[in-house]
């Protein structure tokens, strides 16, 4: 899974018919603290996320395992909206 922030939407008037009716979100990967990273993903929204939400993305063949995406030609899907991140050990602090 990938931790990311929704930064916008993607509109495509011409697309595969299996994408009709699906909201496409532009997501930027982030670290555990929410700091933006360099990678971006276009993901189908399966959980009604919105701009500014921190989300979890499922990527690759696993992205096609939700009811929303099982017949769509996609590589990424938003599977959760993150409410909070709680770390029991500081990042890089070991066990």
C-alpha atoms as a PDB file:
ATOM      1  CA  UNK A   1       0.000   0.000   0.000  1.00  0.00           C
ATOM      2  CA  UNK A   2       1.045   3.567  -0.640  1.00  0.00           C
ATOM      3  CA  UNK A   3       0.510   6.551   1.677  1.00  0.00           C
ATOM      4  CA  UNK A   4      -0.517   9.626  -0.349  1.00  0.00           C
ATOM      5  CA  UNK A   5      -2.412  12.920  -0.316  1.00  0.00           C
ATOM      6  CA  UNK A   6      -5.153  13.745  -2.813  1.00  0.00           C
ATOM      7  CA  UNK A   7      -4.083  16.907  -4.624  1.00  0.00           C
ATOM      8  CA  UNK A   8      -6.668  17.093  -7.401  1.00  0.00           C
ATOM      9  CA  UNK A   9      -8.897  15.319  -9.874  1.00  0.00           C
ATOM     10  CA  UNK A  10      -8.297  14.057 -13.385  1.00  0.00           C
ATOM     11  CA  UNK A  11     -10.943  14.558 -16.081  1.00  0.00           C
ATOM     12  CA  UNK A  12     -10.815  12.453 -19.237  1.00  0.00           C
ATOM     13  CA  UNK A  13     -13.558  12.805 -21.830  1.00  0.00           C
ATOM     14  CA  UNK A  14     -12.195   9.886 -23.891  1.00  0.00           C
ATOM     15  CA  UNK A  15     -11.448   6.750 -21.887  1.00  0.00           C
ATOM     16  CA  UNK A  16     -11.979   3.007 -21.683  1.00  0.00           C
ATOM     17  CA  UNK A  17     -15.709   2.293 -21.172  1.00  0.00           C
ATOM     18  CA  UNK A  18     -14.897   0.430 -17.932  1.00  0.00           C
ATOM     19  CA  UNK A  19     -13.741   3.759 -16.449  1.00  0.00           C
ATOM     20  CA  UNK A  20     -17.054   5.534 -17.139  1.00  0.00           C
ATOM     21  CA  UNK A  21     -18.599   6.822 -13.915  1.00  0.00           C
ATOM     22  CA  UNK A  22     -15.399   6.399 -11.917  1.00  0.00           C
ATOM     23  CA  UNK A  23     -13.787   9.403 -10.226  1.00  0.00           C
ATOM     24  CA  UNK A  24     -10.077   9.732 -10.940  1.00  0.00           C
ATOM     25  CA  UNK A  25      -7.898  11.396  -8.302  1.00  0.00           C
ATOM     26  CA  UNK A  26      -4.395  12.803  -8.619  1.00  0.00           C
ATOM     27  CA  UNK A  27      -2.455  11.640  -5.556  1.00  0.00           C
ATOM     28  CA  UNK A  28       1.047  12.558  -4.430  1.00  0.00           C
ATOM     29  CA  UNK A  29       2.968  10.053  -2.344  1.00  0.00           C
ATOM     30  CA  UNK A  30       3.864  11.207   1.184  1.00  0.00           C
ATOM     31  CA  UNK A  31       5.998   9.928   4.023  1.00  0.00           C
ATOM     32  CA  UNK A  32       4.568   8.771   7.368  1.00  0.00           C
ATOM     33  CA  UNK A  33       4.495  12.378   8.620  1.00  0.00           C
ATOM     34  CA  UNK A  34       2.694  13.721   5.565  1.00  0.00           C
ATOM     35  CA  UNK A  35       5.746  15.283   3.879  1.00  0.00           C
ATOM     36  CA  UNK A  36       5.256  15.197   0.083  1.00  0.00           C
ATOM     37  CA  UNK A  37       7.471  12.849  -1.913  1.00  0.00           C
ATOM     38  CA  UNK A  38       8.255  13.005  -5.630  1.00  0.00           C
ATOM     39  CA  UNK A  39       5.912  10.318  -7.019  1.00  0.00           C
ATOM     40  CA  UNK A  40       2.393  10.921  -8.290  1.00  0.00           C
ATOM     41  CA  UNK A  41      -0.407   8.459  -9.087  1.00  0.00           C
ATOM     42  CA  UNK A  42      -3.767   8.680 -10.811  1.00  0.00           C
ATOM     43  CA  UNK A  43      -6.102   6.461  -8.805  1.00  0.00           C
ATOM     44  CA  UNK A  44      -9.736   5.413  -9.031  1.00  0.00           C
ATOM     45  CA  UNK A  45     -11.633   6.584  -5.947  1.00  0.00           C
ATOM     46  CA  UNK A  46     -13.389   3.667  -4.209  1.00  0.00           C
ATOM     47  CA  UNK A  47     -14.081   5.473  -0.897  1.00  0.00           C
ATOM     48  CA  UNK A  48     -15.289   8.988  -1.802  1.00  0.00           C
ATOM     49  CA  UNK A  49     -12.039  10.731  -0.887  1.00  0.00           C
ATOM     50  CA  UNK A  50     -11.547  14.402  -1.606  1.00  0.00           C
ATOM     51  CA  UNK A  51      -8.828  16.928  -2.217  1.00  0.00           C
ATOM     52  CA  UNK A  52      -6.567  17.286   0.815  1.00  0.00           C
ATOM     53  CA  UNK A  53      -7.362  13.844   2.258  1.00  0.00           C
ATOM     54  CA  UNK A  54      -4.510  11.548   3.207  1.00  0.00           C
ATOM     55  CA  UNK A  55      -5.296   8.155   1.688  1.00  0.00           C
ATOM     56  CA  UNK A  56      -4.014   4.623   1.203  1.00  0.00           C
ATOM     57  CA  UNK A  57      -3.544   3.447  -2.358  1.00  0.00           C
ATOM     58  CA  UNK A  58      -3.514  -0.145  -3.478  1.00  0.00           C
ATOM     59  CA  UNK A  59      -1.295  -0.537  -6.507  1.00  0.00           C
ATOM     60  CA  UNK A  60      -0.773  -3.028  -9.310  1.00  0.00           C
ATOM     61  CA  UNK A  61      -2.950  -6.122  -9.716  1.00  0.00           C
ATOM     62  CA  UNK A  62      -4.332  -5.667  -6.171  1.00  0.00           C
ATOM     63  CA  UNK A  63      -5.947  -2.418  -7.362  1.00  0.00           C
ATOM     64  CA  UNK A  64      -8.409  -4.454  -9.425  1.00  0.00           C
ATOM     65  CA  UNK A  65      -9.734  -6.435  -6.448  1.00  0.00           C
ATOM     66  CA  UNK A  66     -12.413  -3.989  -5.204  1.00  0.00           C
ATOM     67  CA  UNK A  67     -16.059  -4.023  -6.344  1.00  0.00           C
ATOM     68  CA  UNK A  68     -15.462  -0.593  -7.897  1.00  0.00           C
ATOM     69  CA  UNK A  69     -12.443  -1.662  -9.938  1.00  0.00           C
ATOM     70  CA  UNK A  70     -12.689  -5.375 -10.741  1.00  0.00           C
ATOM     71  CA  UNK A  71     -13.357  -4.868 -14.467  1.00  0.00           C
ATOM     72  CA  UNK A  72     -11.400  -1.642 -15.006  1.00  0.00           C
ATOM     73  CA  UNK A  73      -7.938  -1.282 -16.568  1.00  0.00           C
ATOM     74  CA  UNK A  74      -6.300   0.474 -13.619  1.00  0.00           C
ATOM     75  CA  UNK A  75      -3.034   0.433 -11.677  1.00  0.00           C
ATOM     76  CA  UNK A  76      -4.074   2.340  -8.526  1.00  0.00           C
ATOM     77  CA  UNK A  77      -7.178   2.662  -6.355  1.00  0.00           C
ATOM     78  CA  UNK A  78      -7.886   4.705  -3.225  1.00  0.00           C
ATOM     79  CA  UNK A  79      -8.924   2.078  -0.658  1.00  0.00           C
ATOM     80  CA  UNK A  80      -8.974   4.112   2.574  1.00  0.00           C
ATOM     81  CA  UNK A  81      -9.090   7.649   3.919  1.00  0.00           C
ATOM     82  CA  UNK A  82      -6.537   8.017   6.716  1.00  0.00           C
ATOM     83  CA  UNK A  83      -7.867   9.605   9.913  1.00  0.00           C
ATOM     84  CA  UNK A  84      -4.696   9.337  11.971  1.00  0.00           C
ATOM     85  CA  UNK A  85      -1.216   7.824  11.952  1.00  0.00           C
ATOM     86  CA  UNK A  86       0.088   6.504  15.255  1.00  0.00           C
ATOM     87  CA  UNK A  87       3.660   5.282  15.537  1.00  0.00           C
ATOM     88  CA  UNK A  88       4.750   3.179  18.494  1.00  0.00           C
ATOM     89  CA  UNK A  89       8.441   3.620  17.629  1.00  0.00           C
ATOM     90  CA  UNK A  90      10.067   6.705  16.160  1.00  0.00           C
ATOM     91  CA  UNK A  91      10.891   6.395  12.462  1.00  0.00           C
ATOM     92  CA  UNK A  92      14.355   4.912  12.085  1.00  0.00           C
ATOM     93  CA  UNK A  93      14.486   4.155  15.815  1.00  0.00           C
ATOM     94  CA  UNK A  94      14.542   0.390  15.477  1.00  0.00           C
ATOM     95  CA  UNK A  95      12.663  -2.095  17.644  1.00  0.00           C
END
